[in-house]
Structure formats: C-alpha cells, structure tokens
Amino acid sequence: MGAYIHSRTAGLIFVRWRRKKIACRTGKPQGFSLPETLVALLLFGLSSLALTQYQLALGRSFQLQLQQREAVRLARQRFEGYQAPGWQTTLEQQALTGSCVLLTARVISPAGAKAALSQLSCRSEDEQESAERRR
C-alpha cells in the first residue's frame, strides 16, 4: 500500500497518494497452465451435460404426470359414456350379489400413461322394481 502525505497550508489539508512501483517477478509465470485450463473446461462441460440431462428428465416426468392426470379424468368420464379419441379406453361391468354392479374404467394414453377407476353402483329396491316393470 502507498502512504498518505499530509500538508497544511492556511488551514487546508492536502492529501496526496504516493504511488509505489510494483515489481513484477519475471522468473515465475503468471496465470493458469494449459492442463489446469483443460481440467476446468472438462469439469464445466460435464456439469453442464449433467444439468441438461436433469432438465430433460424433469420435463419428461412432468409430461407423464400431466398425462396421468388426464388419464384419471378420462376414466371418470368413461363412466358417463365419453370415449376420448386416440386413447385406449375400456369399461368393464361385473355383477355382484343383489342389485350391485362393479364398473371398472381403464384408460391408456398415447404415451403409455395408465389409469383405472372402479365404481360400485347399487340400485335400491324401488329402482330395481321399476326397472323390472319397464321390461
């Protein structure tokens, strides 16, 4: 560091900075060597590649999650008779004891996301009698 020189003249203070000359060492090279630079470049490239792969994996999992949610929504709608174009959907009906029926809707997205929902539907005795009268 340099030193300050103070002088007073008529109540004013003057400050000057005295500069020192910095001696450069001519015998020792400065900066990074070529192997150090190459290793740093290799580490930077590998970390960039790893982050890119991580970003791609996150994008794929996000897309799969969206398709899974859509598959569950379409399985619910399959109970009401809606069938989405481009999606594989099935509706299975299994008769149980009494007047109960187990409905199972299965949906497969174009990318392979699957969803299956089951719904138990039981008719009351009044509904069952009115359905038999209509026949």
C-alpha atoms as a PDB file:
ATOM      1  CA  MET A   1       0.000   0.000   0.000  1.00  0.00           C
ATOM      2  CA  GLY A   2       1.036   3.544  -0.551  1.00  0.00           C
ATOM      3  CA  ALA A   3       1.355   6.190   2.097  1.00  0.00           C
ATOM      4  CA  TYR A   4      -0.526   9.413   2.615  1.00  0.00           C
ATOM      5  CA  ILE A   5       1.320  12.688   2.701  1.00  0.00           C
ATOM      6  CA  HIS A   6      -0.438  15.355   4.730  1.00  0.00           C
ATOM      7  CA  SER A   7       0.383  19.016   4.485  1.00  0.00           C
ATOM      8  CA  ARG A   8      -1.338  22.025   5.976  1.00  0.00           C
ATOM      9  CA  THR A   9      -1.427  25.330   4.252  1.00  0.00           C
ATOM     10  CA  ALA A  10      -3.603  28.182   5.564  1.00  0.00           C
ATOM     11  CA  GLY A  11      -5.934  25.799   7.400  1.00  0.00           C
ATOM     12  CA  LEU A  12      -6.417  23.475   4.408  1.00  0.00           C
ATOM     13  CA  ILE A  13      -5.282  19.894   4.375  1.00  0.00           C
ATOM     14  CA  PHE A  14      -3.894  18.470   1.173  1.00  0.00           C
ATOM     15  CA  VAL A  15      -3.646  14.759   0.776  1.00  0.00           C
ATOM     16  CA  ARG A  16      -1.589  13.149  -1.928  1.00  0.00           C
ATOM     17  CA  TRP A  17      -1.196   9.490  -2.570  1.00  0.00           C
ATOM     18  CA  ARG A  18       2.294   8.315  -3.056  1.00  0.00           C
ATOM     19  CA  ARG A  19       2.399   5.514  -5.563  1.00  0.00           C
ATOM     20  CA  LYS A  20       4.689   2.611  -5.186  1.00  0.00           C
ATOM     21  CA  LYS A  21       6.014   0.757  -8.114  1.00  0.00           C
ATOM     22  CA  ILE A  22       5.001  -2.867  -8.061  1.00  0.00           C
ATOM     23  CA  ALA A  23       7.809  -5.124  -9.096  1.00  0.00           C
ATOM     24  CA  CYS A  24       6.848  -7.987 -11.409  1.00  0.00           C
ATOM     25  CA  ARG A  25       8.559 -11.264 -10.969  1.00  0.00           C
ATOM     26  CA  THR A  26       9.979 -12.190 -14.295  1.00  0.00           C
ATOM     27  CA  GLY A  27      11.157 -15.638 -13.275  1.00  0.00           C
ATOM     28  CA  LYS A  28       7.728 -17.118 -12.357  1.00  0.00           C
ATOM     29  CA  PRO A  29       4.935 -17.393 -14.971  1.00  0.00           C
ATOM     30  CA  GLN A  30       1.555 -15.866 -14.118  1.00  0.00           C
ATOM     31  CA  GLY A  31      -1.934 -17.247 -14.866  1.00  0.00           C
ATOM     32  CA  PHE A  32      -3.181 -20.791 -15.318  1.00  0.00           C
ATOM     33  CA  SER A  33      -1.327 -23.532 -17.092  1.00  0.00           C
ATOM     34  CA  LEU A  34      -2.790 -25.391 -20.066  1.00  0.00           C
ATOM     35  CA  PRO A  35      -3.527 -28.626 -18.106  1.00  0.00           C
ATOM     36  CA  GLU A  36      -5.319 -26.651 -15.388  1.00  0.00           C
ATOM     37  CA  THR A  37      -7.419 -24.883 -18.007  1.00  0.00           C
ATOM     38  CA  LEU A  38      -8.291 -28.148 -19.762  1.00  0.00           C
ATOM     39  CA  VAL A  39      -9.325 -29.827 -16.497  1.00  0.00           C
ATOM     40  CA  ALA A  40     -11.514 -26.833 -15.605  1.00  0.00           C
ATOM     41  CA  LEU A  41     -13.081 -26.915 -19.077  1.00  0.00           C
ATOM     42  CA  LEU A  42     -13.735 -30.661 -18.743  1.00  0.00           C
ATOM     43  CA  LEU A  43     -15.407 -30.208 -15.349  1.00  0.00           C
ATOM     44  CA  PHE A  44     -17.524 -27.349 -16.684  1.00  0.00           C
ATOM     45  CA  GLY A  45     -18.600 -29.416 -19.695  1.00  0.00           C
ATOM     46  CA  LEU A  46     -19.513 -32.446 -17.577  1.00  0.00           C
ATOM     47  CA  SER A  47     -21.521 -30.373 -15.121  1.00  0.00           C
ATOM     48  CA  SER A  48     -23.354 -28.644 -18.000  1.00  0.00           C
ATOM     49  CA  LEU A  49     -24.159 -32.027 -19.538  1.00  0.00           C
ATOM     50  CA  ALA A  50     -25.434 -33.364 -16.208  1.00  0.00           C
ATOM     51  CA  LEU A  51     -27.670 -30.321 -15.700  1.00  0.00           C
ATOM     52  CA  THR A  52     -29.053 -30.675 -19.233  1.00  0.00           C
ATOM     53  CA  GLN A  53     -29.878 -34.346 -18.650  1.00  0.00           C
ATOM     54  CA  TYR A  54     -31.542 -33.458 -15.352  1.00  0.00           C
ATOM     55  CA  GLN A  55     -33.643 -30.788 -17.082  1.00  0.00           C
ATOM     56  CA  LEU A  56     -34.750 -33.277 -19.751  1.00  0.00           C
ATOM     57  CA  ALA A  57     -35.690 -35.862 -17.114  1.00  0.00           C
ATOM     58  CA  LEU A  58     -37.747 -33.258 -15.251  1.00  0.00           C
ATOM     59  CA  GLY A  59     -39.556 -32.336 -18.455  1.00  0.00           C
ATOM     60  CA  ARG A  60     -40.366 -35.974 -19.243  1.00  0.00           C
ATOM     61  CA  SER A  61     -41.656 -36.666 -15.740  1.00  0.00           C
ATOM     62  CA  PHE A  62     -43.779 -33.506 -15.848  1.00  0.00           C
ATOM     63  CA  GLN A  63     -45.320 -34.607 -19.165  1.00  0.00           C
ATOM     64  CA  LEU A  64     -46.005 -38.089 -17.778  1.00  0.00           C
ATOM     65  CA  GLN A  65     -47.639 -36.595 -14.685  1.00  0.00           C
ATOM     66  CA  LEU A  66     -49.887 -34.422 -16.861  1.00  0.00           C
ATOM     67  CA  GLN A  67     -50.898 -37.438 -18.947  1.00  0.00           C
ATOM     68  CA  GLN A  68     -51.554 -39.445 -15.779  1.00  0.00           C
ATOM     69  CA  ARG A  69     -53.915 -36.741 -14.503  1.00  0.00           C
ATOM     70  CA  GLU A  70     -55.620 -36.584 -17.890  1.00  0.00           C
ATOM     71  CA  ALA A  71     -55.999 -40.384 -17.858  1.00  0.00           C
ATOM     72  CA  VAL A  72     -57.705 -40.280 -14.450  1.00  0.00           C
ATOM     73  CA  ARG A  73     -60.035 -37.525 -15.676  1.00  0.00           C
ATOM     74  CA  LEU A  74     -60.930 -39.509 -18.812  1.00  0.00           C
ATOM     75  CA  ALA A  75     -61.504 -42.665 -16.745  1.00  0.00           C
ATOM     76  CA  ARG A  76     -64.062 -40.730 -14.680  1.00  0.00           C
ATOM     77  CA  GLN A  77     -65.725 -39.533 -17.862  1.00  0.00           C
ATOM     78  CA  ARG A  78     -65.765 -43.088 -19.238  1.00  0.00           C
ATOM     79  CA  PHE A  79     -68.355 -43.973 -16.572  1.00  0.00           C
ATOM     80  CA  GLU A  80     -70.603 -41.391 -18.231  1.00  0.00           C
ATOM     81  CA  GLY A  81     -70.058 -42.850 -21.708  1.00  0.00           C
ATOM     82  CA  TYR A  82     -67.416 -40.462 -23.090  1.00  0.00           C
ATOM     83  CA  GLN A  83     -64.593 -42.056 -25.065  1.00  0.00           C
ATOM     84  CA  ALA A  84     -61.604 -39.849 -25.946  1.00  0.00           C
ATOM     85  CA  PRO A  85     -60.203 -40.143 -29.460  1.00  0.00           C
ATOM     86  CA  GLY A  86     -56.644 -41.515 -29.611  1.00  0.00           C
ATOM     87  CA  TRP A  87     -56.823 -43.016 -26.122  1.00  0.00           C
ATOM     88  CA  GLN A  88     -57.482 -46.692 -25.386  1.00  0.00           C
ATOM     89  CA  THR A  89     -60.447 -46.967 -23.035  1.00  0.00           C
ATOM     90  CA  THR A  90     -62.408 -49.931 -21.719  1.00  0.00           C
ATOM     91  CA  LEU A  91     -65.398 -50.174 -19.425  1.00  0.00           C
ATOM     92  CA  GLU A  92     -65.917 -53.491 -17.659  1.00  0.00           C
ATOM     93  CA  GLN A  93     -69.101 -54.395 -15.827  1.00  0.00           C
ATOM     94  CA  GLN A  94     -69.188 -57.117 -13.172  1.00  0.00           C
ATOM     95  CA  ALA A  95     -72.422 -58.183 -11.490  1.00  0.00           C
ATOM     96  CA  LEU A  96     -72.187 -58.680  -7.751  1.00  0.00           C
ATOM     97  CA  THR A  97     -74.657 -60.067  -5.236  1.00  0.00           C
ATOM     98  CA  GLY A  98     -78.048 -58.431  -5.103  1.00  0.00           C
ATOM     99  CA  SER A  99     -78.566 -55.421  -7.293  1.00  0.00           C
ATOM    100  CA  CYS A 100     -74.964 -54.158  -7.198  1.00  0.00           C
ATOM    101  CA  VAL A 101     -72.683 -53.749 -10.203  1.00  0.00           C
ATOM    102  CA  LEU A 102     -68.940 -53.027 -10.172  1.00  0.00           C
ATOM    103  CA  LEU A 103     -67.865 -50.796 -13.062  1.00  0.00           C
ATOM    104  CA  THR A 104     -64.151 -50.543 -13.909  1.00  0.00           C
ATOM    105  CA  ALA A 105     -62.872 -47.967 -16.404  1.00  0.00           C
ATOM    106  CA  ARG A 106     -59.339 -48.417 -17.762  1.00  0.00           C
ATOM    107  CA  VAL A 107     -57.577 -45.749 -19.820  1.00  0.00           C
ATOM    108  CA  ILE A 108     -54.195 -45.797 -21.592  1.00  0.00           C
ATOM    109  CA  SER A 109     -52.749 -42.588 -23.047  1.00  0.00           C
ATOM    110  CA  PRO A 110     -50.934 -42.448 -26.393  1.00  0.00           C
ATOM    111  CA  ALA A 111     -47.636 -42.155 -24.458  1.00  0.00           C
ATOM    112  CA  GLY A 112     -48.455 -45.115 -22.194  1.00  0.00           C
ATOM    113  CA  ALA A 113     -49.790 -43.487 -19.007  1.00  0.00           C
ATOM    114  CA  LYS A 114     -52.387 -45.785 -17.417  1.00  0.00           C
ATOM    115  CA  ALA A 115     -55.303 -45.200 -15.096  1.00  0.00           C
ATOM    116  CA  ALA A 116     -58.018 -47.472 -13.741  1.00  0.00           C
ATOM    117  CA  LEU A 117     -61.015 -46.440 -11.666  1.00  0.00           C
ATOM    118  CA  SER A 118     -63.715 -48.619 -10.142  1.00  0.00           C
ATOM    119  CA  GLN A 119     -67.213 -47.573  -9.162  1.00  0.00           C
ATOM    120  CA  LEU A 120     -69.703 -49.617  -7.174  1.00  0.00           C
ATOM    121  CA  SER A 121     -73.278 -48.963  -8.218  1.00  0.00           C
ATOM    122  CA  CYS A 122     -76.165 -50.425  -6.249  1.00  0.00           C
ATOM    123  CA  ARG A 123     -79.827 -49.882  -7.046  1.00  0.00           C
ATOM    124  CA  SER A 124     -82.368 -49.532  -4.320  1.00  0.00           C
ATOM    125  CA  GLU A 125     -85.291 -51.970  -4.219  1.00  0.00           C
ATOM    126  CA  ASP A 126     -87.671 -49.331  -5.622  1.00  0.00           C
ATOM    127  CA  GLU A 127     -85.382 -48.626  -8.593  1.00  0.00           C
ATOM    128  CA  GLN A 128     -84.952 -52.343  -9.233  1.00  0.00           C
ATOM    129  CA  GLU A 129     -88.723 -52.955  -9.226  1.00  0.00           C
ATOM    130  CA  SER A 130     -89.382 -50.040 -11.581  1.00  0.00           C
ATOM    131  CA  ALA A 131     -86.668 -51.301 -13.962  1.00  0.00           C
ATOM    132  CA  GLU A 132     -88.236 -54.787 -13.978  1.00  0.00           C
ATOM    133  CA  ARG A 133     -91.691 -53.321 -14.706  1.00  0.00           C
ATOM    134  CA  ARG A 134     -90.362 -51.466 -17.747  1.00  0.00           C
ATOM    135  CA  ARG A 135     -89.135 -54.721 -19.266  1.00  0.00           C
END
